[in-house]
């Protein structure tokens, strides 16, 4: 088994579904009806994306995006 890597995932609520993408893996995007479904789908999409890069002999991007929350008064 390879080295564990931790990628930042952005999950957004749309009008009737959820979508997720990985900033460090351009093109790695999913959509689903529930938050749970999107979390499962993005995990599978990341694995599939990385497998494709390996098969094509391309480098695996090192996770570099960070997630922070900024609190403001509205």
N, C-alpha and C. Protein backbone atom coordinates (compact mmCIF):
# COMPACT_ATOMS: atom_id res chain seq x y z
N UNK A 1 0.85 -1.19 0.00
CA UNK A 1 0.00 0.00 0.00
C UNK A 1 0.88 1.23 0.00
N UNK A 2 0.43 2.30 -0.70
CA UNK A 2 1.21 3.52 -0.81
C UNK A 2 1.09 4.40 0.40
N UNK A 3 1.81 5.50 0.32
CA UNK A 3 1.82 6.49 1.39
C UNK A 3 0.45 7.17 1.47
N UNK A 4 -0.05 7.37 2.66
CA UNK A 4 -1.34 8.05 2.85
C UNK A 4 -1.18 9.53 2.53
N UNK A 5 -2.13 10.07 1.78
CA UNK A 5 -2.14 11.49 1.42
C UNK A 5 -3.49 12.06 1.81
N UNK A 6 -3.49 13.31 2.20
CA UNK A 6 -4.73 13.96 2.66
C UNK A 6 -4.98 15.19 1.79
N UNK A 7 -6.02 15.11 0.96
CA UNK A 7 -6.37 16.20 0.06
C UNK A 7 -7.54 17.00 0.62
N UNK A 8 -7.48 18.31 0.45
CA UNK A 8 -8.61 19.18 0.82
C UNK A 8 -9.73 18.97 -0.20
N UNK A 9 -10.95 18.89 0.30
CA UNK A 9 -12.13 18.71 -0.55
C UNK A 9 -13.10 19.84 -0.23
N UNK A 10 -13.62 20.47 -1.28
CA UNK A 10 -14.62 21.53 -1.10
C UNK A 10 -15.97 20.94 -1.47
N UNK A 11 -16.92 21.02 -0.55
CA UNK A 11 -18.28 20.53 -0.79
C UNK A 11 -19.21 21.73 -0.77
N UNK A 12 -20.00 21.84 -1.82
CA UNK A 12 -20.91 22.97 -1.94
C UNK A 12 -22.35 22.48 -2.06
N UNK A 13 -23.25 23.17 -1.42
CA UNK A 13 -24.69 22.87 -1.51
C UNK A 13 -25.25 23.68 -2.66
N UNK A 14 -25.88 22.99 -3.60
CA UNK A 14 -26.57 23.65 -4.70
C UNK A 14 -28.06 23.65 -4.37
N UNK A 15 -28.87 24.09 -5.31
CA UNK A 15 -30.31 24.18 -5.06
C UNK A 15 -30.92 22.82 -4.74
N UNK A 16 -30.54 21.79 -5.49
CA UNK A 16 -31.18 20.49 -5.29
C UNK A 16 -30.19 19.33 -5.10
N UNK A 17 -28.90 19.65 -4.94
CA UNK A 17 -27.92 18.59 -4.74
C UNK A 17 -26.67 19.16 -4.08
N UNK A 18 -25.64 18.33 -4.01
CA UNK A 18 -24.34 18.74 -3.49
C UNK A 18 -23.29 18.46 -4.56
N UNK A 19 -22.21 19.23 -4.54
CA UNK A 19 -21.10 18.99 -5.44
C UNK A 19 -19.81 19.09 -4.63
N UNK A 20 -18.78 18.40 -5.11
CA UNK A 20 -17.49 18.45 -4.43
C UNK A 20 -16.38 18.46 -5.46
N UNK A 21 -15.27 19.13 -5.10
CA UNK A 21 -14.09 19.12 -5.95
C UNK A 21 -12.84 19.17 -5.08
N UNK A 22 -11.72 18.82 -5.71
CA UNK A 22 -10.44 18.77 -5.02
C UNK A 22 -9.51 19.80 -5.66
N UNK A 23 -9.20 20.90 -4.97
CA UNK A 23 -8.38 21.96 -5.57
C UNK A 23 -7.04 21.47 -6.10
N UNK A 24 -6.44 20.50 -5.46
CA UNK A 24 -5.12 20.01 -5.89
C UNK A 24 -5.19 19.00 -7.03
N UNK A 25 -6.39 18.58 -7.41
CA UNK A 25 -6.57 17.61 -8.49
C UNK A 25 -7.56 18.16 -9.51
N UNK A 26 -7.13 19.05 -10.39
CA UNK A 26 -8.04 19.64 -11.37
C UNK A 26 -8.81 18.56 -12.14
N UNK A 27 -10.12 18.77 -12.25
CA UNK A 27 -10.97 17.81 -12.96
C UNK A 27 -11.56 16.74 -12.07
N UNK A 28 -11.16 16.69 -10.83
CA UNK A 28 -11.70 15.70 -9.89
C UNK A 28 -12.93 16.32 -9.22
N UNK A 29 -14.11 16.04 -9.81
CA UNK A 29 -15.36 16.68 -9.40
C UNK A 29 -16.47 15.64 -9.36
N UNK A 30 -17.36 15.76 -8.40
CA UNK A 30 -18.53 14.86 -8.32
C UNK A 30 -19.75 15.66 -7.90
N UNK A 31 -20.92 15.07 -8.12
CA UNK A 31 -22.17 15.64 -7.64
C UNK A 31 -23.06 14.50 -7.16
N UNK A 32 -23.90 14.78 -6.18
CA UNK A 32 -24.80 13.77 -5.64
C UNK A 32 -25.96 14.42 -4.93
N UNK A 33 -26.92 13.60 -4.57
CA UNK A 33 -28.13 14.10 -3.94
C UNK A 33 -27.95 14.46 -2.47
N UNK A 34 -27.05 13.76 -1.77
CA UNK A 34 -26.86 14.01 -0.34
C UNK A 34 -25.39 14.26 -0.03
N UNK A 35 -25.15 14.85 1.12
CA UNK A 35 -23.79 15.09 1.58
C UNK A 35 -23.05 13.76 1.70
N UNK A 36 -23.72 12.76 2.28
CA UNK A 36 -23.10 11.44 2.46
C UNK A 36 -22.68 10.86 1.11
N UNK A 37 -23.57 10.95 0.13
CA UNK A 37 -23.27 10.40 -1.20
C UNK A 37 -22.07 11.11 -1.83
N UNK A 38 -22.03 12.43 -1.70
CA UNK A 38 -20.92 13.19 -2.28
C UNK A 38 -19.60 12.84 -1.59
N UNK A 39 -19.62 12.64 -0.29
CA UNK A 39 -18.39 12.27 0.42
C UNK A 39 -17.87 10.92 -0.07
N UNK A 40 -18.76 9.97 -0.27
CA UNK A 40 -18.35 8.66 -0.79
C UNK A 40 -17.85 8.78 -2.23
N UNK A 41 -18.57 9.52 -3.05
CA UNK A 41 -18.19 9.66 -4.45
C UNK A 41 -16.85 10.37 -4.63
N UNK A 42 -16.59 11.40 -3.83
CA UNK A 42 -15.32 12.13 -4.00
C UNK A 42 -14.15 11.26 -3.55
N UNK A 43 -14.34 10.45 -2.54
CA UNK A 43 -13.27 9.53 -2.12
C UNK A 43 -12.94 8.57 -3.28
N UNK A 44 -13.97 8.02 -3.91
CA UNK A 44 -13.76 7.12 -5.04
C UNK A 44 -13.14 7.86 -6.22
N UNK A 45 -13.58 9.09 -6.45
CA UNK A 45 -13.06 9.88 -7.57
C UNK A 45 -11.58 10.20 -7.38
N UNK A 46 -11.17 10.51 -6.15
CA UNK A 46 -9.76 10.79 -5.87
C UNK A 46 -8.93 9.54 -6.16
N UNK A 47 -9.37 8.39 -5.67
CA UNK A 47 -8.63 7.15 -5.91
C UNK A 47 -8.53 6.86 -7.40
N UNK A 48 -9.63 7.01 -8.13
CA UNK A 48 -9.65 6.78 -9.57
C UNK A 48 -8.73 7.76 -10.29
N UNK A 49 -8.77 9.02 -9.90
CA UNK A 49 -7.94 10.06 -10.50
C UNK A 49 -6.46 9.73 -10.31
N UNK A 50 -6.08 9.37 -9.09
CA UNK A 50 -4.68 9.06 -8.81
C UNK A 50 -4.22 7.81 -9.56
N UNK A 51 -5.09 6.80 -9.66
CA UNK A 51 -4.76 5.60 -10.43
C UNK A 51 -4.50 5.95 -11.88
N UNK A 52 -5.33 6.83 -12.45
CA UNK A 52 -5.16 7.26 -13.83
C UNK A 52 -3.85 7.98 -14.04
N UNK A 53 -3.48 8.85 -13.11
CA UNK A 53 -2.20 9.54 -13.22
C UNK A 53 -1.04 8.55 -13.21
N UNK A 54 -1.10 7.58 -12.29
CA UNK A 54 -0.05 6.56 -12.21
C UNK A 54 0.05 5.77 -13.52
N UNK A 55 -1.08 5.33 -14.05
CA UNK A 55 -1.10 4.56 -15.30
C UNK A 55 -0.53 5.36 -16.46
N UNK A 56 -0.74 6.67 -16.45
CA UNK A 56 -0.23 7.53 -17.52
C UNK A 56 1.21 7.97 -17.28
N UNK A 57 1.78 7.53 -16.16
CA UNK A 57 3.17 7.89 -15.84
C UNK A 57 3.34 9.34 -15.42
N UNK A 58 2.26 9.94 -14.95
CA UNK A 58 2.31 11.34 -14.53
C UNK A 58 2.53 11.43 -13.02
N UNK A 59 3.11 12.53 -12.56
CA UNK A 59 3.36 12.68 -11.12
C UNK A 59 2.05 12.85 -10.34
N UNK A 60 2.05 12.35 -9.13
CA UNK A 60 0.92 12.51 -8.22
C UNK A 60 1.10 13.86 -7.51
N UNK A 61 0.15 14.79 -7.67
CA UNK A 61 0.29 16.09 -7.00
C UNK A 61 0.33 15.95 -5.49
N UNK A 62 1.26 16.63 -4.89
CA UNK A 62 1.34 16.66 -3.43
C UNK A 62 0.23 17.55 -2.91
N UNK A 63 -0.53 17.10 -1.93
CA UNK A 63 -1.58 17.96 -1.36
C UNK A 63 -0.95 19.26 -0.84
N UNK A 64 -1.47 20.39 -1.28
CA UNK A 64 -0.91 21.66 -0.82
C UNK A 64 -1.99 22.65 -0.39
N UNK A 65 -3.24 22.41 -0.77
CA UNK A 65 -4.31 23.32 -0.37
C UNK A 65 -4.60 23.17 1.12
N UNK A 66 -4.92 24.28 1.73
CA UNK A 66 -5.29 24.28 3.15
C UNK A 66 -6.69 24.86 3.29
N UNK A 67 -7.39 24.43 4.29
CA UNK A 67 -8.73 24.92 4.54
C UNK A 67 -8.73 25.62 5.89
N UNK A 68 -9.24 26.82 5.88
CA UNK A 68 -9.38 27.61 7.11
C UNK A 68 -10.74 28.27 7.08
N UNK A 69 -11.29 28.51 8.21
CA UNK A 69 -12.54 29.25 8.33
C UNK A 69 -12.22 30.60 8.93
N UNK A 70 -12.88 31.63 8.42
CA UNK A 70 -12.72 32.98 8.94
C UNK A 70 -14.07 33.42 9.49
N UNK A 71 -14.09 33.78 10.74
CA UNK A 71 -15.34 34.20 11.37
C UNK A 71 -15.47 35.71 11.30
N UNK A 72 -16.66 36.16 10.88
CA UNK A 72 -16.93 37.59 10.82
C UNK A 72 -18.29 37.85 11.43
N UNK A 73 -18.52 39.08 11.80
CA UNK A 73 -19.86 39.48 12.28
C UNK A 73 -20.63 40.03 11.10
N UNK A 74 -21.86 39.59 10.98
CA UNK A 74 -22.68 40.06 9.84
C UNK A 74 -23.76 40.98 10.32
